[in-house]
């Protein structure tokens, strides 16, 4: 009787070990299958279901450009799963707005597209006598206004090389110290090499080209300690004054 009981217990232990071995052999496959199912569920949830679909756009950084204009240019695909949205294409479309210098687009889970714009800042206003164009530090004209804005140098551009001349004028304006820039009434330029500053006091500054503008600004600051009606810094190592006043 005791031997039979021992044999039965041994058989039970053997059966348990066999089941454990079989379970351990199947466990990796079971885990792998579960992971595949989970991955498929996640892919479906983010890329194909409406659970994380685009419901709207959030815009920041816009001061002068209407938010509605940005949203229209962005053309964010409302209803499309957020994970599938082409952010680069949206940013490229927003950058086509003339007054926008740059745009960065990100996802805001669960359902928003976030657009951060950098607007162009005018540094010069260019006029042909009938209209005024705002120009930023890159030389890009981005907006036309009916009246001259206060606080910006007015550039009167003539000649055929207009775009190059505008960029040269912007370089010159950027090199001027604030105290001198505030005195500039207009900037005349028939070409990139013939730029003249006309101060509000009636004084003229012959600048020439935009080359060595920082050096020219330094020389002019020293030169203007002597009263004159014309200052010529087109050759900064050989500056000239005319109509000196005592």
Foldseek 3Di string as FASTA:
>chain_A
DVVVVVVVVVVVVVVVVVVVVVCVVCVVVVVVVVVVVVVVVVCCCQAPDQNQFAAEEAEPADDPDDPVVLCVQLPFPGSGRPVPTDQVVSFVSSCVQLQFPGWGWDDDPRHYIYIYTHGFDFAAWEDCPQWTFGAGLQQRTRDIDRDDDPPHAYEYEAADVRSLLSNFVSLLSVLADPVVNNQFHYWYDDDQQFIWTQGPVQAIETQGHSPPSNLLNVLVVVVVVWDARYWYCVPVVDIDGHRTDD
